[in-house]
Structures are given as structure tokens and as C-alpha cells.
PDB file of N, CA and C in Angstrom:
ATOM      1  N   MET A   1      -5.922   1.285   0.157  1.00  0.00           N
ATOM      2  CA  MET A   1      -6.514   2.820  -0.533  1.00  0.00           C
ATOM      3  C   MET A   1      -6.801   3.700  -0.111  1.00  0.00           C
ATOM      4  N   TYR A   2      -6.930   4.912   0.345  1.00  0.00           N
ATOM      5  CA  TYR A   2      -7.756   5.645   1.021  1.00  0.00           C
ATOM      6  C   TYR A   2      -7.995   6.735   0.606  1.00  0.00           C
ATOM      7  N   TYR A   3      -7.428   7.148  -0.877  1.00  0.00           N
ATOM      8  CA  TYR A   3      -7.842   8.331  -1.599  1.00  0.00           C
ATOM      9  C   TYR A   3      -7.755   7.978  -3.090  1.00  0.00           C
ATOM     10  N   PRO A   4      -8.506   6.876  -3.468  1.00  0.00           N
ATOM     11  CA  PRO A   4      -8.887   6.138  -4.598  1.00  0.00           C
ATOM     12  C   PRO A   4      -9.037   7.820  -6.079  1.00  0.00           C
ATOM     13  N   VAL A   5      -8.321   7.724  -6.464  1.00  0.00           N
ATOM     14  CA  VAL A   5      -8.436   8.692  -8.013  1.00  0.00           C
ATOM     15  C   VAL A   5      -8.663   8.186  -9.539  1.00  0.00           C
ATOM     16  N   MET A   6      -9.815   8.501 -10.286  1.00  0.00           N
ATOM     17  CA  MET A   6      -9.557   8.040 -11.745  1.00  0.00           C
ATOM     18  C   MET A   6      -8.189   9.097 -12.915  1.00  0.00           C
ATOM     19  N   ALA A   7      -7.681   8.155 -13.336  1.00  0.00           N
ATOM     20  CA  ALA A   7      -6.643   9.022 -14.120  1.00  0.00           C
ATOM     21  C   ALA A   7      -7.521   8.489 -15.904  1.00  0.00           C
ATOM     22  N   ALA A   8      -6.362   9.400 -16.563  1.00  0.00           N
ATOM     23  CA  ALA A   8      -7.278   9.635 -17.648  1.00  0.00           C
ATOM     24  C   ALA A   8      -7.239   7.766 -18.757  1.00  0.00           C
ATOM     25  N   ASP A   9      -6.776   6.817 -17.794  1.00  0.00           N
ATOM     26  CA  ASP A   9      -6.803   5.623 -18.745  1.00  0.00           C
ATOM     27  C   ASP A   9      -7.820   4.959 -18.201  1.00  0.00           C
ATOM     28  N   GLY A  10      -8.509   5.404 -17.481  1.00  0.00           N
ATOM     29  CA  GLY A  10      -9.706   4.758 -17.103  1.00  0.00           C
ATOM     30  C   GLY A  10      -9.913   3.977 -15.360  1.00  0.00           C
ATOM     31  N   HIS A  11      -8.320   3.875 -15.275  1.00  0.00           N
ATOM     32  CA  HIS A  11      -8.288   3.023 -13.787  1.00  0.00           C
ATOM     33  C   HIS A  11      -7.941   4.117 -12.803  1.00  0.00           C
ATOM     34  N   SER A  12      -8.379   3.294 -11.525  1.00  0.00           N
ATOM     35  CA  SER A  12      -8.155   3.883 -10.220  1.00  0.00           C
ATOM     36  C   SER A  12      -7.119   3.485  -9.589  1.00  0.00           C
ATOM     37  N   TYR A  13      -6.517   4.622  -9.097  1.00  0.00           N
ATOM     38  CA  TYR A  13      -5.316   4.598  -7.800  1.00  0.00           C
ATOM     39  C   TYR A  13      -5.334   5.428  -6.689  1.00  0.00           C
ATOM     40  N   GLU A  14      -4.406   5.556  -5.638  1.00  0.00           N
ATOM     41  CA  GLU A  14      -4.159   5.935  -4.861  1.00  0.00           C
ATOM     42  C   GLU A  14      -3.849   7.147  -5.356  1.00  0.00           C
ATOM     43  N   ARG A  15      -4.142   8.296  -4.895  1.00  0.00           N
ATOM     44  CA  ARG A  15      -3.972   9.818  -5.052  1.00  0.00           C
ATOM     45  C   ARG A  15      -2.608   9.732  -4.849  1.00  0.00           C
ATOM     46  N   SER A  16      -2.000   9.888  -3.723  1.00  0.00           N
ATOM     47  CA  SER A  16      -0.342   9.875  -3.366  1.00  0.00           C
ATOM     48  C   SER A  16       0.407   8.994  -4.486  1.00  0.00           C
ATOM     49  N   ALA A  17       0.294   7.693  -4.904  1.00  0.00           N
ATOM     50  CA  ALA A  17       0.634   6.661  -5.766  1.00  0.00           C
ATOM     51  C   ALA A  17       0.906   7.526  -6.908  1.00  0.00           C
ATOM     52  N   ILE A  18      -0.189   7.432  -7.694  1.00  0.00           N
ATOM     53  CA  ILE A  18      -0.390   8.374  -9.055  1.00  0.00           C
ATOM     54  C   ILE A  18       0.390   9.622  -9.029  1.00  0.00           C
ATOM     55  N   GLU A  19       0.090  10.290  -7.951  1.00  0.00           N
ATOM     56  CA  GLU A  19       1.256  11.730  -8.210  1.00  0.00           C
ATOM     57  C   GLU A  19       2.215  12.062  -8.240  1.00  0.00           C
ATOM     58  N   ARG A  20       3.174  11.111  -7.525  1.00  0.00           N
ATOM     59  CA  ARG A  20       4.533  10.564  -7.316  1.00  0.00           C
ATOM     60  C   ARG A  20       4.918   9.866  -8.849  1.00  0.00           C
ATOM     61  N   TRP A  21       3.792   9.232  -9.509  1.00  0.00           N
ATOM     62  CA  TRP A  21       4.066   8.968 -11.330  1.00  0.00           C
ATOM     63  C   TRP A  21       4.140   9.731 -12.087  1.00  0.00           C
ATOM     64  N   LEU A  22       2.924  10.321 -11.855  1.00  0.00           N
ATOM     65  CA  LEU A  22       3.284  11.503 -12.749  1.00  0.00           C
ATOM     66  C   LEU A  22       4.110  12.726 -12.564  1.00  0.00           C
ATOM     67  N   ALA A  23       4.721  12.577 -11.676  1.00  0.00           N
ATOM     68  CA  ALA A  23       5.720  13.546 -11.778  1.00  0.00           C
ATOM     69  C   ALA A  23       6.838  13.681 -12.004  1.00  0.00           C
ATOM     70  N   THR A  24       6.718  12.453 -12.833  1.00  0.00           N
ATOM     71  CA  THR A  24       8.234  12.113 -13.645  1.00  0.00           C
ATOM     72  C   THR A  24       8.005  11.776 -14.878  1.00  0.00           C
ATOM     73  N   LYS A  25       6.270  11.038 -15.063  1.00  0.00           N
ATOM     74  CA  LYS A  25       6.303  10.224 -16.342  1.00  0.00           C
ATOM     75  C   LYS A  25       4.899  10.640 -16.844  1.00  0.00           C
ATOM     76  N   SER A  26       4.208  10.573 -18.295  1.00  0.00           N
ATOM     77  CA  SER A  26       2.987  11.111 -19.103  1.00  0.00           C
ATOM     78  C   SER A  26       2.123  10.064 -19.383  1.00  0.00           C
ATOM     79  N   THR A  27       2.681   8.763 -19.241  1.00  0.00           N
ATOM     80  CA  THR A  27       2.287   7.370 -19.417  1.00  0.00           C
ATOM     81  C   THR A  27       0.972   6.887 -17.968  1.00  0.00           C
ATOM     82  N   SER A  28       0.736   5.404 -18.568  1.00  0.00           N
ATOM     83  CA  SER A  28      -0.261   4.761 -17.424  1.00  0.00           C
ATOM     84  C   SER A  28       0.262   3.785 -17.096  1.00  0.00           C
ATOM     85  N   PRO A  29       0.197   3.551 -15.558  1.00  0.00           N
ATOM     86  CA  PRO A  29       1.365   2.612 -14.753  1.00  0.00           C
ATOM     87  C   PRO A  29       0.698   1.198 -15.571  1.00  0.00           C
ATOM     88  N   LEU A  30      -0.417   1.263 -15.932  1.00  0.00           N
ATOM     89  CA  LEU A  30      -0.942  -0.253 -15.805  1.00  0.00           C
ATOM     90  C   LEU A  30      -1.031  -0.146 -17.794  1.00  0.00           C
ATOM     91  N   THR A  31      -1.281   0.389 -18.210  1.00  0.00           N
ATOM     92  CA  THR A  31      -1.016   0.146 -19.777  1.00  0.00           C
ATOM     93  C   THR A  31       0.244   0.725 -20.408  1.00  0.00           C
ATOM     94  N   GLY A  32       0.881   1.259 -19.781  1.00  0.00           N
ATOM     95  CA  GLY A  32       2.166   1.911 -20.674  1.00  0.00           C
ATOM     96  C   GLY A  32       1.616   2.805 -21.858  1.00  0.00           C
ATOM     97  N   GLY A  33       0.230   3.345 -21.978  1.00  0.00           N
ATOM     98  CA  GLY A  33      -0.251   4.336 -22.693  1.00  0.00           C
ATOM     99  C   GLY A  33       0.032   5.837 -22.500  1.00  0.00           C
ATOM    100  N   GLU A  34       0.698   6.686 -23.881  1.00  0.00           N
ATOM    101  CA  GLU A  34       0.407   7.785 -23.323  1.00  0.00           C
ATOM    102  C   GLU A  34      -1.062   8.449 -22.821  1.00  0.00           C
ATOM    103  N   LEU A  35      -0.950   9.640 -21.412  1.00  0.00           N
ATOM    104  CA  LEU A  35      -1.990   9.957 -21.203  1.00  0.00           C
ATOM    105  C   LEU A  35      -3.104  10.811 -21.418  1.00  0.00           C
ATOM    106  N   GLU A  36      -4.175  11.367 -22.031  1.00  0.00           N
ATOM    107  CA  GLU A  36      -4.600  12.421 -22.604  1.00  0.00           C
ATOM    108  C   GLU A  36      -4.323  13.485 -21.770  1.00  0.00           C
ATOM    109  N   HIS A  37      -4.406  13.496 -20.195  1.00  0.00           N
ATOM    110  CA  HIS A  37      -4.053  14.625 -19.602  1.00  0.00           C
ATOM    111  C   HIS A  37      -3.868  14.231 -18.147  1.00  0.00           C
ATOM    112  N   ARG A  38      -3.435  14.529 -17.165  1.00  0.00           N
ATOM    113  CA  ARG A  38      -3.300  14.886 -15.832  1.00  0.00           C
ATOM    114  C   ARG A  38      -4.106  15.300 -14.694  1.00  0.00           C
ATOM    115  N   ILE A  39      -5.083  15.142 -14.923  1.00  0.00           N
ATOM    116  CA  ILE A  39      -6.339  15.494 -14.603  1.00  0.00           C
ATOM    117  C   ILE A  39      -7.161  13.675 -13.671  1.00  0.00           C
ATOM    118  N   LEU A  40      -6.688  14.348 -12.274  1.00  0.00           N
ATOM    119  CA  LEU A  40      -7.306  13.150 -11.772  1.00  0.00           C
ATOM    120  C   LEU A  40      -8.652  12.935 -10.629  1.00  0.00           C
ATOM    121  N   ILE A  41      -9.658  12.323 -11.406  1.00  0.00           N
ATOM    122  CA  ILE A  41     -10.683  12.604 -10.886  1.00  0.00           C
ATOM    123  C   ILE A  41     -10.845  11.773  -9.585  1.00  0.00           C
ATOM    124  N   PRO A  42     -11.564  11.994  -8.369  1.00  0.00           N
ATOM    125  CA  PRO A  42     -11.700  11.472  -6.960  1.00  0.00           C
ATOM    126  C   PRO A  42     -12.752  10.488  -7.665  1.00  0.00           C
ATOM    127  N   ASN A  43     -12.211   9.157  -7.064  1.00  0.00           N
ATOM    128  CA  ASN A  43     -13.454   8.166  -7.370  1.00  0.00           C
ATOM    129  C   ASN A  43     -14.513   7.547  -5.973  1.00  0.00           C
ATOM    130  N   HIS A  44     -15.135   8.853  -5.892  1.00  0.00           N
ATOM    131  CA  HIS A  44     -15.911   8.482  -4.476  1.00  0.00           C
ATOM    132  C   HIS A  44     -17.153   7.228  -4.530  1.00  0.00           C
ATOM    133  N   THR A  45     -17.355   6.660  -5.383  1.00  0.00           N
ATOM    134  CA  THR A  45     -17.797   5.067  -5.295  1.00  0.00           C
ATOM    135  C   THR A  45     -16.694   4.212  -4.567  1.00  0.00           C
ATOM    136  N   LEU A  46     -15.724   4.379  -5.115  1.00  0.00           N
ATOM    137  CA  LEU A  46     -14.914   2.973  -4.782  1.00  0.00           C
ATOM    138  C   LEU A  46     -14.291   3.435  -3.552  1.00  0.00           C
ATOM    139  N   ARG A  47     -14.049   4.768  -2.884  1.00  0.00           N
ATOM    140  CA  ARG A  47     -13.960   5.207  -1.833  1.00  0.00           C
ATOM    141  C   ARG A  47     -14.907   4.747  -0.801  1.00  0.00           C
ATOM    142  N   ARG A  48     -16.532   4.958  -0.970  1.00  0.00           N
ATOM    143  CA  ARG A  48     -17.203   4.557  -0.087  1.00  0.00           C
ATOM    144  C   ARG A  48     -17.531   2.805  -0.056  1.00  0.00           C
ATOM    145  N   GLN A  49     -16.891   2.231  -1.024  1.00  0.00           N
ATOM    146  CA  GLN A  49     -16.924   0.446  -1.153  1.00  0.00           C
ATOM    147  C   GLN A  49     -15.945   0.147  -0.002  1.00  0.00           C
ATOM    148  N   ILE A  50     -14.870   0.974  -0.384  1.00  0.00           N
ATOM    149  CA  ILE A  50     -13.328   0.668   0.627  1.00  0.00           C
ATOM    150  C   ILE A  50     -13.802   0.777   1.842  1.00  0.00           C
ATOM    151  N   GLY A  51     -14.362   2.360   2.446  1.00  0.00           N
ATOM    152  CA  GLY A  51     -15.177   2.146   3.540  1.00  0.00           C
ATOM    153  C   GLY A  51     -16.359   1.131   4.343  1.00  0.00           C
ATOM    154  N   GLU A  52     -16.759   0.615   3.209  1.00  0.00           N
ATOM    155  CA  GLU A  52     -18.284   0.213   3.620  1.00  0.00           C
ATOM    156  C   GLU A  52     -16.957  -1.515   3.642  1.00  0.00           C
ATOM    157  N   TRP A  53     -16.465  -1.722   3.021  1.00  0.00           N
ATOM    158  CA  TRP A  53     -15.503  -2.992   3.592  1.00  0.00           C
ATOM    159  C   TRP A  53     -14.737  -3.564   4.763  1.00  0.00           C
ATOM    160  N   HIS A  54     -14.284  -1.881   4.801  1.00  0.00           N
ATOM    161  CA  HIS A  54     -13.295  -1.969   6.371  1.00  0.00           C
ATOM    162  C   HIS A  54     -14.264  -1.587   7.054  1.00  0.00           C
ATOM    163  N   GLU A  55     -15.505  -1.377   7.588  1.00  0.00           N
ATOM    164  CA  GLU A  55     -15.788  -1.468   8.559  1.00  0.00           C
ATOM    165  C   GLU A  55     -16.357  -2.772   8.643  1.00  0.00           C
ATOM    166  N   ALA A  56     -16.750  -3.137   7.389  1.00  0.00           N
ATOM    167  CA  ALA A  56     -17.083  -4.562   7.609  1.00  0.00           C
ATOM    168  C   ALA A  56     -16.596  -5.514   8.086  1.00  0.00           C
ATOM    169  N   HIS A  57     -14.511  -6.096   8.095  1.00  0.00           N
ATOM    170  CA  HIS A  57     -14.195  -6.894   8.270  1.00  0.00           C
ATOM    171  C   HIS A  57     -12.939  -6.009   9.319  1.00  0.00           C
ATOM    172  N   VAL A  58     -12.334  -5.238   9.055  1.00  0.00           N
ATOM    173  CA  VAL A  58     -11.665  -4.466   9.997  1.00  0.00           C
ATOM    174  C   VAL A  58     -12.250  -4.256  11.353  1.00  0.00           C
ATOM    175  N   GLY A  59     -13.346  -3.662  11.413  1.00  0.00           N
ATOM    176  CA  GLY A  59     -14.040  -3.375  11.872  1.00  0.00           C
ATOM    177  C   GLY A  59     -14.428  -4.271  13.141  1.00  0.00           C
ATOM    178  N   ARG A  60     -14.871  -4.950  12.435  1.00  0.00           N
ATOM    179  CA  ARG A  60     -15.332  -6.836  13.614  1.00  0.00           C
ATOM    180  C   ARG A  60     -14.130  -7.751  14.256  1.00  0.00           C
ATOM    181  N   TRP A  61     -12.620  -7.446  13.188  1.00  0.00           N
ATOM    182  CA  TRP A  61     -11.649  -7.861  13.405  1.00  0.00           C
ATOM    183  C   TRP A  61     -11.342  -7.500  14.959  1.00  0.00           C
ATOM    184  N   PHE A  62     -11.064  -5.898  15.182  1.00  0.00           N
ATOM    185  CA  PHE A  62     -10.794  -4.841  16.292  1.00  0.00           C
ATOM    186  C   PHE A  62     -11.961  -5.647  17.288  1.00  0.00           C
ATOM    187  N   ALA A  63     -12.925  -5.930  17.038  1.00  0.00           N
ATOM    188  CA  ALA A  63     -13.945  -5.868  18.192  1.00  0.00           C
ATOM    189  C   ALA A  63     -13.536  -6.771  18.753  1.00  0.00           C
ATOM    190  N   LEU A  64     -13.310  -8.075  17.532  1.00  0.00           N
ATOM    191  CA  LEU A  64     -13.094  -9.887  18.547  1.00  0.00           C
ATOM    192  C   LEU A  64     -12.207 -10.045  19.203  1.00  0.00           C
ATOM    193  N   ALA A  65     -10.676  -8.966  19.020  1.00  0.00           N
ATOM    194  CA  ALA A  65      -9.659  -8.661  19.561  1.00  0.00           C
ATOM    195  C   ALA A  65      -9.383  -8.150  20.759  1.00  0.00           C
ATOM    196  N   ARG A  66     -10.617  -7.444  20.676  1.00  0.00           N
ATOM    197  CA  ARG A  66     -10.829  -6.828  22.113  1.00  0.00           C
ATOM    198  C   ARG A  66     -11.635  -7.902  23.323  1.00  0.00           C
ATOM    199  N   CYS A  67     -12.574  -8.211  22.659  1.00  0.00           N
ATOM    200  CA  CYS A  67     -13.412  -9.373  23.416  1.00  0.00           C
ATOM    201  C   CYS A  67     -12.243 -10.496  23.731  1.00  0.00           C
ATOM    202  N   HIS A  68     -11.204 -11.191  23.163  1.00  0.00           N
ATOM    203  CA  HIS A  68     -10.523 -11.704  23.448  1.00  0.00           C
ATOM    204  C   HIS A  68      -8.745 -11.498  24.088  1.00  0.00           C
ATOM    205  N   ARG A  69      -9.208 -10.146  24.333  1.00  0.00           N
ATOM    206  CA  ARG A  69      -7.415  -9.712  24.911  1.00  0.00           C
ATOM    207  C   ARG A  69      -7.610 -10.303  26.255  1.00  0.00           C
ATOM    208  N   VAL A  70      -6.021 -10.891  26.152  1.00  0.00           N
ATOM    209  CA  VAL A  70      -5.689 -11.637  27.720  1.00  0.00           C
ATOM    210  C   VAL A  70      -5.503 -10.417  28.565  1.00  0.00           C
ATOM    211  N   GLN A  71      -5.762 -10.682  29.874  1.00  0.00           N
ATOM    212  CA  GLN A  71      -5.774  -8.997  30.664  1.00  0.00           C
ATOM    213  C   GLN A  71      -4.679  -9.840  31.678  1.00  0.00           C
TER     214      GLN A  71
END
């Protein structure tokens, strides 16, 4: 997930995925309930947490891969 947004149902989604969903539907993908509105709010906290996790895990993996690369 790169651009998490919160929908009217209170759940977070990847922006591109929920925009595709809302192009043809007016319901929540998770609950099936009707959404009160189609406004998508950026979830800055979740985006920061994903970035921190990515740095801690994926960044470490790339560093290890470089160290153990066969020449």
C-alpha cells in the first residue's frame, strides 16, 4: 500500500483500488453497506507507519543482499 486513504466506512484502502471500486459502486468493499459519501481522506498515520516498516524490513533485506552478492 502506497497511498492509503480512509473511506466513509472507516476502513483504509489503497487510493487507486478504492477509486476504481467507487467508479462503479457506492458501497463499502468490506461491509457491503452504502457509503454516506465518496470523500477519501489521506491516512497520513498509516502511510508513515508503512514507510517506517518498509525502511526497517525491506531496506535491511536490500542491504543484506548487497553484502552477500556473488561477484
